[in-house]
Amino acid sequence: MTEPELAYLAGLFDGEGCVLVAKASRANGKQYFTLLTNISNKDLRCLRFAMERFGGRIAVQKSSQVGRWALTSKRAATFLTAILP
């Protein structure tokens, strides 16, 4: 990726994104924490742009037509590291 593309994604994340650390449970009952990142936006083109470069998934809320691009675990960490200034 080019530096301007990473800067674009950093700005998009700064304005429309968030970082979460969530507690989850495995099938055997053991609990663990996982890193999550997401960006929400009505313009799905910018979300597809991010997904094409870092993976993840996009979900669209039907009532508002707002899309949410989400990454978990290692992909989330890779994305956050890439957009550091």
PDB file of N, CA and C in Angstrom:
ATOM      1  N   MET A   1       0.836  -1.189   0.000  1.00  0.00           N
ATOM      2  CA  MET A   1       0.000   0.000   0.000  1.00  0.00           C
ATOM      3  C   MET A   1       0.869   1.237   0.000  1.00  0.00           C
ATOM      4  N   THR A   2       0.348   2.277  -0.596  1.00  0.00           N
ATOM      5  CA  THR A   2       1.100   3.528  -0.636  1.00  0.00           C
ATOM      6  C   THR A   2       0.880   4.301   0.664  1.00  0.00           C
ATOM      7  N   GLU A   3       1.781   5.217   0.897  1.00  0.00           N
ATOM      8  CA  GLU A   3       1.654   6.057   2.087  1.00  0.00           C
ATOM      9  C   GLU A   3       0.373   6.900   2.064  1.00  0.00           C
ATOM     10  N   PRO A   4      -0.017   7.482   0.921  1.00  0.00           N
ATOM     11  CA  PRO A   4      -1.283   8.224   0.899  1.00  0.00           C
ATOM     12  C   PRO A   4      -2.505   7.331   1.190  1.00  0.00           C
ATOM     13  N   GLU A   5      -2.484   6.086   0.728  1.00  0.00           N
ATOM     14  CA  GLU A   5      -3.594   5.170   1.025  1.00  0.00           C
ATOM     15  C   GLU A   5      -3.677   4.870   2.516  1.00  0.00           C
ATOM     16  N   LEU A   6      -2.525   4.640   3.130  1.00  0.00           N
ATOM     17  CA  LEU A   6      -2.501   4.388   4.577  1.00  0.00           C
ATOM     18  C   LEU A   6      -2.950   5.623   5.346  1.00  0.00           C
ATOM     19  N   ALA A   7      -2.541   6.805   4.877  1.00  0.00           N
ATOM     20  CA  ALA A   7      -2.964   8.047   5.532  1.00  0.00           C
ATOM     21  C   ALA A   7      -4.478   8.222   5.407  1.00  0.00           C
ATOM     22  N   TYR A   8      -5.038   7.882   4.254  1.00  0.00           N
ATOM     23  CA  TYR A   8      -6.489   7.952   4.055  1.00  0.00           C
ATOM     24  C   TYR A   8      -7.201   7.030   5.047  1.00  0.00           C
ATOM     25  N   LEU A   9      -6.727   5.790   5.159  1.00  0.00           N
ATOM     26  CA  LEU A   9      -7.354   4.849   6.092  1.00  0.00           C
ATOM     27  C   LEU A   9      -7.177   5.284   7.539  1.00  0.00           C
ATOM     28  N   ALA A  10      -6.042   5.884   7.864  1.00  0.00           N
ATOM     29  CA  ALA A  10      -5.828   6.385   9.226  1.00  0.00           C
ATOM     30  C   ALA A  10      -6.826   7.492   9.547  1.00  0.00           C
ATOM     31  N   GLY A  11      -7.043   8.394   8.603  1.00  0.00           N
ATOM     32  CA  GLY A  11      -8.015   9.470   8.814  1.00  0.00           C
ATOM     33  C   GLY A  11      -9.429   8.946   8.910  1.00  0.00           C
ATOM     34  N   LEU A  12      -9.761   7.976   8.070  1.00  0.00           N
ATOM     35  CA  LEU A  12     -11.085   7.364   8.127  1.00  0.00           C
ATOM     36  C   LEU A  12     -11.297   6.680   9.472  1.00  0.00           C
ATOM     37  N   PHE A  13     -10.280   5.961   9.931  1.00  0.00           N
ATOM     38  CA  PHE A  13     -10.381   5.283  11.228  1.00  0.00           C
ATOM     39  C   PHE A  13     -10.481   6.287  12.366  1.00  0.00           C
ATOM     40  N   ASP A  14      -9.726   7.368  12.283  1.00  0.00           N
ATOM     41  CA  ASP A  14      -9.762   8.399  13.321  1.00  0.00           C
ATOM     42  C   ASP A  14     -11.151   9.008  13.450  1.00  0.00           C
ATOM     43  N   GLY A  15     -11.818   9.206  12.327  1.00  0.00           N
ATOM     44  CA  GLY A  15     -13.128   9.841  12.354  1.00  0.00           C
ATOM     45  C   GLY A  15     -14.292   8.896  12.539  1.00  0.00           C
ATOM     46  N   GLU A  16     -14.185   7.685  12.009  1.00  0.00           N
ATOM     47  CA  GLU A  16     -15.339   6.778  11.967  1.00  0.00           C
ATOM     48  C   GLU A  16     -15.085   5.413  12.609  1.00  0.00           C
ATOM     49  N   GLY A  17     -13.901   5.212  13.183  1.00  0.00           N
ATOM     50  CA  GLY A  17     -13.556   3.881  13.676  1.00  0.00           C
ATOM     51  C   GLY A  17     -13.479   3.774  15.180  1.00  0.00           C
ATOM     52  N   CYS A  18     -13.332   2.533  15.632  1.00  0.00           N
ATOM     53  CA  CYS A  18     -13.139   2.303  17.068  1.00  0.00           C
ATOM     54  C   CYS A  18     -12.356   1.018  17.290  1.00  0.00           C
ATOM     55  N   VAL A  19     -11.789   0.922  18.477  1.00  0.00           N
ATOM     56  CA  VAL A  19     -11.032  -0.251  18.918  1.00  0.00           C
ATOM     57  C   VAL A  19     -11.747  -0.819  20.132  1.00  0.00           C
ATOM     58  N   LEU A  20     -11.893  -2.130  20.153  1.00  0.00           N
ATOM     59  CA  LEU A  20     -12.529  -2.799  21.281  1.00  0.00           C
ATOM     60  C   LEU A  20     -11.654  -3.965  21.720  1.00  0.00           C
ATOM     61  N   VAL A  21     -11.668  -4.227  22.995  1.00  0.00           N
ATOM     62  CA  VAL A  21     -11.106  -5.463  23.527  1.00  0.00           C
ATOM     63  C   VAL A  21     -12.280  -6.188  24.152  1.00  0.00           C
ATOM     64  N   ALA A  22     -12.595  -7.361  23.606  1.00  0.00           N
ATOM     65  CA  ALA A  22     -13.794  -8.086  24.033  1.00  0.00           C
ATOM     66  C   ALA A  22     -13.415  -9.382  24.736  1.00  0.00           C
ATOM     67  N   LYS A  23     -14.219  -9.731  25.702  1.00  0.00           N
ATOM     68  CA  LYS A  23     -14.055 -10.997  26.406  1.00  0.00           C
ATOM     69  C   LYS A  23     -14.949 -12.023  25.720  1.00  0.00           C
ATOM     70  N   ALA A  24     -14.391 -13.178  25.403  1.00  0.00           N
ATOM     71  CA  ALA A  24     -15.136 -14.227  24.714  1.00  0.00           C
ATOM     72  C   ALA A  24     -14.871 -15.564  25.391  1.00  0.00           C
ATOM     73  N   SER A  25     -15.648 -16.562  25.018  1.00  0.00           N
ATOM     74  CA  SER A  25     -15.492 -17.907  25.585  1.00  0.00           C
ATOM     75  C   SER A  25     -15.313 -18.921  24.475  1.00  0.00           C
ATOM     76  N   ARG A  26     -14.419 -19.864  24.711  1.00  0.00           N
ATOM     77  CA  ARG A  26     -14.227 -20.969  23.774  1.00  0.00           C
ATOM     78  C   ARG A  26     -15.286 -22.045  24.054  1.00  0.00           C
ATOM     79  N   ALA A  27     -15.375 -23.005  23.169  1.00  0.00           N
ATOM     80  CA  ALA A  27     -16.345 -24.091  23.334  1.00  0.00           C
ATOM     81  C   ALA A  27     -16.112 -24.875  24.627  1.00  0.00           C
ATOM     82  N   ASN A  28     -14.853 -24.925  25.075  1.00  0.00           N
ATOM     83  CA  ASN A  28     -14.537 -25.657  26.308  1.00  0.00           C
ATOM     84  C   ASN A  28     -14.779 -24.827  27.569  1.00  0.00           C
ATOM     85  N   GLY A  29     -15.297 -23.613  27.395  1.00  0.00           N
ATOM     86  CA  GLY A  29     -15.608 -22.759  28.535  1.00  0.00           C
ATOM     87  C   GLY A  29     -14.499 -21.802  28.949  1.00  0.00           C
ATOM     88  N   LYS A  30     -13.299 -21.974  28.409  1.00  0.00           N
ATOM     89  CA  LYS A  30     -12.198 -21.068  28.747  1.00  0.00           C
ATOM     90  C   LYS A  30     -12.458 -19.701  28.135  1.00  0.00           C
ATOM     91  N   GLN A  31     -12.169 -18.674  28.907  1.00  0.00           N
ATOM     92  CA  GLN A  31     -12.376 -17.309  28.432  1.00  0.00           C
ATOM     93  C   GLN A  31     -11.063 -16.716  27.939  1.00  0.00           C
ATOM     94  N   TYR A  32     -11.182 -15.781  27.021  1.00  0.00           N
ATOM     95  CA  TYR A  32     -10.022 -15.097  26.473  1.00  0.00           C
ATOM     96  C   TYR A  32     -10.450 -13.702  26.035  1.00  0.00           C
ATOM     97  N   PHE A  33      -9.477 -12.858  25.732  1.00  0.00           N
ATOM     98  CA  PHE A  33      -9.742 -11.514  25.233  1.00  0.00           C
ATOM     99  C   PHE A  33      -9.299 -11.437  23.785  1.00  0.00           C
ATOM    100  N   THR A  34     -10.033 -10.679  22.996  1.00  0.00           N
ATOM    101  CA  THR A  34      -9.693 -10.520  21.585  1.00  0.00           C
ATOM    102  C   THR A  34      -9.776  -9.047  21.188  1.00  0.00           C
ATOM    103  N   LEU A  35      -8.931  -8.658  20.263  1.00  0.00           N
ATOM    104  CA  LEU A  35      -8.887  -7.297  19.740  1.00  0.00           C
ATOM    105  C   LEU A  35      -9.839  -7.182  18.560  1.00  0.00           C
ATOM    106  N   LEU A  36     -10.634  -6.125  18.538  1.00  0.00           N
ATOM    107  CA  LEU A  36     -11.562  -5.863  17.437  1.00  0.00           C
ATOM    108  C   LEU A  36     -11.389  -4.418  16.982  1.00  0.00           C
ATOM    109  N   THR A  37     -11.481  -4.195  15.689  1.00  0.00           N
ATOM    110  CA  THR A  37     -11.532  -2.835  15.160  1.00  0.00           C
ATOM    111  C   THR A  37     -12.684  -2.769  14.167  1.00  0.00           C
ATOM    112  N   ASN A  38     -13.288  -1.600  14.047  1.00  0.00           N
ATOM    113  CA  ASN A  38     -14.291  -1.432  13.001  1.00  0.00           C
ATOM    114  C   ASN A  38     -14.376   0.018  12.567  1.00  0.00           C
ATOM    115  N   ILE A  39     -14.881   0.178  11.359  1.00  0.00           N
ATOM    116  CA  ILE A  39     -15.154   1.499  10.789  1.00  0.00           C
ATOM    117  C   ILE A  39     -16.574   1.446  10.257  1.00  0.00           C
ATOM    118  N   SER A  40     -17.373   2.433  10.615  1.00  0.00           N
ATOM    119  CA  SER A  40     -18.751   2.523  10.122  1.00  0.00           C
ATOM    120  C   SER A  40     -18.877   3.706   9.184  1.00  0.00           C
ATOM    121  N   ASN A  41     -19.625   3.499   8.075  1.00  0.00           N
ATOM    122  CA  ASN A  41     -19.797   4.573   7.108  1.00  0.00           C
ATOM    123  C   ASN A  41     -20.920   4.201   6.146  1.00  0.00           C
ATOM    124  N   LYS A  42     -21.626   5.211   5.639  1.00  0.00           N
ATOM    125  CA  LYS A  42     -22.670   4.962   4.643  1.00  0.00           C
ATOM    126  C   LYS A  42     -22.097   4.726   3.251  1.00  0.00           C
ATOM    127  N   ASP A  43     -20.910   5.231   3.002  1.00  0.00           N
ATOM    128  CA  ASP A  43     -20.261   5.045   1.702  1.00  0.00           C
ATOM    129  C   ASP A  43     -19.512   3.713   1.724  1.00  0.00           C
ATOM    130  N   LEU A  44     -20.102   2.701   1.155  1.00  0.00           N
ATOM    131  CA  LEU A  44     -19.515   1.364   1.191  1.00  0.00           C
ATOM    132  C   LEU A  44     -18.232   1.259   0.374  1.00  0.00           C
ATOM    133  N   ARG A  45     -18.002   2.198  -0.531  1.00  0.00           N
ATOM    134  CA  ARG A  45     -16.773   2.161  -1.331  1.00  0.00           C
ATOM    135  C   ARG A  45     -15.535   2.267  -0.450  1.00  0.00           C
ATOM    136  N   CYS A  46     -15.568   3.133   0.545  1.00  0.00           N
ATOM    137  CA  CYS A  46     -14.388   3.285   1.404  1.00  0.00           C
ATOM    138  C   CYS A  46     -14.200   2.035   2.273  1.00  0.00           C
ATOM    139  N   LEU A  47     -15.298   1.388   2.664  1.00  0.00           N
ATOM    140  CA  LEU A  47     -15.190   0.159   3.452  1.00  0.00           C
ATOM    141  C   LEU A  47     -14.640  -0.984   2.600  1.00  0.00           C
ATOM    142  N   ARG A  48     -15.082  -1.067   1.349  1.00  0.00           N
ATOM    143  CA  ARG A  48     -14.553  -2.095   0.434  1.00  0.00           C
ATOM    144  C   ARG A  48     -13.064  -1.871   0.169  1.00  0.00           C
ATOM    145  N   PHE A  49     -12.675  -0.595   0.033  1.00  0.00           N
ATOM    146  CA  PHE A  49     -11.273  -0.241  -0.166  1.00  0.00           C
ATOM    147  C   PHE A  49     -10.432  -0.820   0.979  1.00  0.00           C
ATOM    148  N   ALA A  50     -10.885  -0.627   2.200  1.00  0.00           N
ATOM    149  CA  ALA A  50     -10.163  -1.135   3.366  1.00  0.00           C
ATOM    150  C   ALA A  50     -10.164  -2.660   3.389  1.00  0.00           C
ATOM    151  N   MET A  51     -11.306  -3.271   3.112  1.00  0.00           N
ATOM    152  CA  MET A  51     -11.420  -4.727   3.153  1.00  0.00           C
ATOM    153  C   MET A  51     -10.538  -5.388   2.099  1.00  0.00           C
ATOM    154  N   GLU A  52     -10.441  -4.785   0.926  1.00  0.00           N
ATOM    155  CA  GLU A  52      -9.591  -5.345  -0.130  1.00  0.00           C
ATOM    156  C   GLU A  52      -8.123  -5.361   0.272  1.00  0.00           C
ATOM    157  N   ARG A  53      -7.738  -4.478   1.149  1.00  0.00           N
ATOM    158  CA  ARG A  53      -6.337  -4.375   1.543  1.00  0.00           C
ATOM    159  C   ARG A  53      -6.012  -5.119   2.833  1.00  0.00           C
ATOM    160  N   PHE A  54      -6.969  -5.226   3.755  1.00  0.00           N
ATOM    161  CA  PHE A  54      -6.686  -5.833   5.060  1.00  0.00           C
ATOM    162  C   PHE A  54      -7.577  -7.023   5.411  1.00  0.00           C
ATOM    163  N   GLY A  55      -8.527  -7.359   4.555  1.00  0.00           N
ATOM    164  CA  GLY A  55      -9.417  -8.477   4.860  1.00  0.00           C
ATOM    165  C   GLY A  55     -10.562  -8.031   5.760  1.00  0.00           C
ATOM    166  N   GLY A  56     -11.113  -8.979   6.491  1.00  0.00           N
ATOM    167  CA  GLY A  56     -12.229  -8.679   7.376  1.00  0.00           C
ATOM    168  C   GLY A  56     -13.559  -8.881   6.681  1.00  0.00           C
ATOM    169  N   ARG A  57     -14.586  -8.239   7.213  1.00  0.00           N
ATOM    170  CA  ARG A  57     -15.920  -8.386   6.638  1.00  0.00           C
ATOM    171  C   ARG A  57     -16.689  -7.076   6.764  1.00  0.00           C
ATOM    172  N   ILE A  58     -17.681  -6.938   5.919  1.00  0.00           N
ATOM    173  CA  ILE A  58     -18.554  -5.765   5.946  1.00  0.00           C
ATOM    174  C   ILE A  58     -19.973  -6.251   6.191  1.00  0.00           C
ATOM    175  N   ALA A  59     -20.629  -5.634   7.141  1.00  0.00           N
ATOM    176  CA  ALA A  59     -22.047  -5.899   7.404  1.00  0.00           C
ATOM    177  C   ALA A  59     -22.788  -4.582   7.210  1.00  0.00           C
ATOM    178  N   VAL A  60     -23.974  -4.645   6.608  1.00  0.00           N
ATOM    179  CA  VAL A  60     -24.773  -3.447   6.365  1.00  0.00           C
ATOM    180  C   VAL A  60     -26.068  -3.545   7.154  1.00  0.00           C
ATOM    181  N   GLN A  61     -26.320  -2.504   7.945  1.00  0.00           N
ATOM    182  CA  GLN A  61     -27.567  -2.435   8.704  1.00  0.00           C
ATOM    183  C   GLN A  61     -28.676  -1.999   7.749  1.00  0.00           C
ATOM    184  N   LYS A  62     -29.663  -2.835   7.574  1.00  0.00           N
ATOM    185  CA  LYS A  62     -30.687  -2.581   6.554  1.00  0.00           C
ATOM    186  C   LYS A  62     -31.493  -1.308   6.817  1.00  0.00           C
ATOM    187  N   SER A  63     -31.824  -1.034   8.063  1.00  0.00           N
ATOM    188  CA  SER A  63     -32.692   0.117   8.348  1.00  0.00           C
ATOM    189  C   SER A  63     -32.022   1.453   8.048  1.00  0.00           C
ATOM    190  N   SER A  64     -30.722   1.562   8.308  1.00  0.00           N
ATOM    191  CA  SER A  64     -30.033   2.841   8.109  1.00  0.00           C
ATOM    192  C   SER A  64     -29.078   2.841   6.919  1.00  0.00           C
ATOM    193  N   GLN A  65     -28.820   1.665   6.344  1.00  0.00           N
ATOM    194  CA  GLN A  65     -27.874   1.516   5.234  1.00  0.00           C
ATOM    195  C   GLN A  65     -26.452   1.919   5.627  1.00  0.00           C
ATOM    196  N   VAL A  66     -26.124   1.817   6.902  1.00  0.00           N
ATOM    197  CA  VAL A  66     -24.767   2.085   7.371  1.00  0.00           C
ATOM    198  C   VAL A  66     -23.987   0.775   7.333  1.00  0.00           C
ATOM    199  N   GLY A  67     -22.812   0.814   6.712  1.00  0.00           N
ATOM    200  CA  GLY A  67     -21.952  -0.353   6.662  1.00  0.00           C
ATOM    201  C   GLY A  67     -20.939  -0.317   7.785  1.00  0.00           C
ATOM    202  N   ARG A  68     -20.522  -1.512   8.209  1.00  0.00           N
ATOM    203  CA  ARG A  68     -19.495  -1.606   9.247  1.00  0.00           C
ATOM    204  C   ARG A  68     -18.471  -2.634   8.803  1.00  0.00           C
ATOM    205  N   TRP A  69     -17.237  -2.169   8.621  1.00  0.00           N
ATOM    206  CA  TRP A  69     -16.124  -3.049   8.284  1.00  0.00           C
ATOM    207  C   TRP A  69     -15.458  -3.456   9.586  1.00  0.00           C
ATOM    208  N   ALA A  70     -15.271  -4.751   9.800  1.00  0.00           N
ATOM    209  CA  ALA A  70     -14.725  -5.235  11.064  1.00  0.00           C
ATOM    210  C   ALA A  70     -13.541  -6.169  10.836  1.00  0.00           C
ATOM    211  N   LEU A  71     -12.567  -6.036  11.729  1.00  0.00           N
ATOM    212  CA  LEU A  71     -11.400  -6.916  11.779  1.00  0.00           C
ATOM    213  C   LEU A  71     -11.257  -7.442  13.194  1.00  0.00           C
ATOM    214  N   THR A  72     -10.719  -8.637  13.322  1.00  0.00           N
ATOM    215  CA  THR A  72     -10.481  -9.204  14.646  1.00  0.00           C
ATOM    216  C   THR A  72      -9.045  -9.701  14.763  1.00  0.00           C
ATOM    217  N   SER A  73      -8.602  -9.809  15.972  1.00  0.00           N
ATOM    218  CA  SER A  73      -7.330 -10.429  16.357  1.00  0.00           C
ATOM    219  C   SER A  73      -6.134  -9.917  15.567  1.00  0.00           C
ATOM    220  N   LYS A  74      -5.414 -10.834  14.919  1.00  0.00           N
ATOM    221  CA  LYS A  74      -4.164 -10.475  14.243  1.00  0.00           C
ATOM    222  C   LYS A  74      -4.384  -9.501  13.093  1.00  0.00           C
ATOM    223  N   ARG A  75      -5.490  -9.657  12.364  1.00  0.00           N
ATOM    224  CA  ARG A  75      -5.761  -8.707  11.274  1.00  0.00           C
ATOM    225  C   ARG A  75      -6.000  -7.311  11.821  1.00  0.00           C
ATOM    226  N   ALA A  76      -6.683  -7.223  12.947  1.00  0.00           N
ATOM    227  CA  ALA A  76      -6.907  -5.914  13.585  1.00  0.00           C
ATOM    228  C   ALA A  76      -5.580  -5.295  14.007  1.00  0.00           C
ATOM    229  N   ALA A  77      -4.708  -6.102  14.591  1.00  0.00           N
ATOM    230  CA  ALA A  77      -3.393  -5.609  15.017  1.00  0.00           C
ATOM    231  C   ALA A  77      -2.548  -5.169  13.827  1.00  0.00           C
ATOM    232  N   THR A  78      -2.600  -5.939  12.748  1.00  0.00           N
ATOM    233  CA  THR A  78      -1.861  -5.577  11.531  1.00  0.00           C
ATOM    234  C   THR A  78      -2.343  -4.244  10.978  1.00  0.00           C
ATOM    235  N   PHE A  79      -3.659  -4.069  10.921  1.00  0.00           N
ATOM    236  CA  PHE A  79      -4.231  -2.815  10.429  1.00  0.00           C
ATOM    237  C   PHE A  79      -3.804  -1.642  11.307  1.00  0.00           C
ATOM    238  N   LEU A  80      -3.946  -1.787  12.619  1.00  0.00           N
ATOM    239  CA  LEU A  80      -3.589  -0.682  13.526  1.00  0.00           C
ATOM    240  C   LEU A  80      -2.114  -0.324  13.425  1.00  0.00           C
ATOM    241  N   THR A  81      -1.278  -1.313  13.285  1.00  0.00           N
ATOM    242  CA  THR A  81       0.162  -1.067  13.143  1.00  0.00           C
ATOM    243  C   THR A  81       0.450  -0.336  11.830  1.00  0.00           C
ATOM    244  N   ALA A  82      -0.236  -0.737  10.759  1.00  0.00           N
ATOM    245  CA  ALA A  82       0.001  -0.134   9.448  1.00  0.00           C
ATOM    246  C   ALA A  82      -0.374   1.335   9.399  1.00  0.00           C
ATOM    247  N   ILE A  83      -1.404   1.744  10.139  1.00  0.00           N
ATOM    248  CA  ILE A  83      -1.857   3.144  10.050  1.00  0.00           C
ATOM    249  C   ILE A  83      -1.219   4.051  11.094  1.00  0.00           C
ATOM    250  N   LEU A  84      -0.292   3.514  11.875  1.00  0.00           N
ATOM    251  CA  LEU A  84       0.430   4.381  12.816  1.00  0.00           C
ATOM    252  C   LEU A  84       1.149   5.484  12.050  1.00  0.00           C
ATOM    253  N   PRO A  85       1.203   6.685  12.620  1.00  0.00           N
ATOM    254  CA  PRO A  85       1.913   7.768  11.919  1.00  0.00           C
ATOM    255  C   PRO A  85       3.416   7.530  11.862  1.00  0.00           C
TER     256      PRO A  85
END
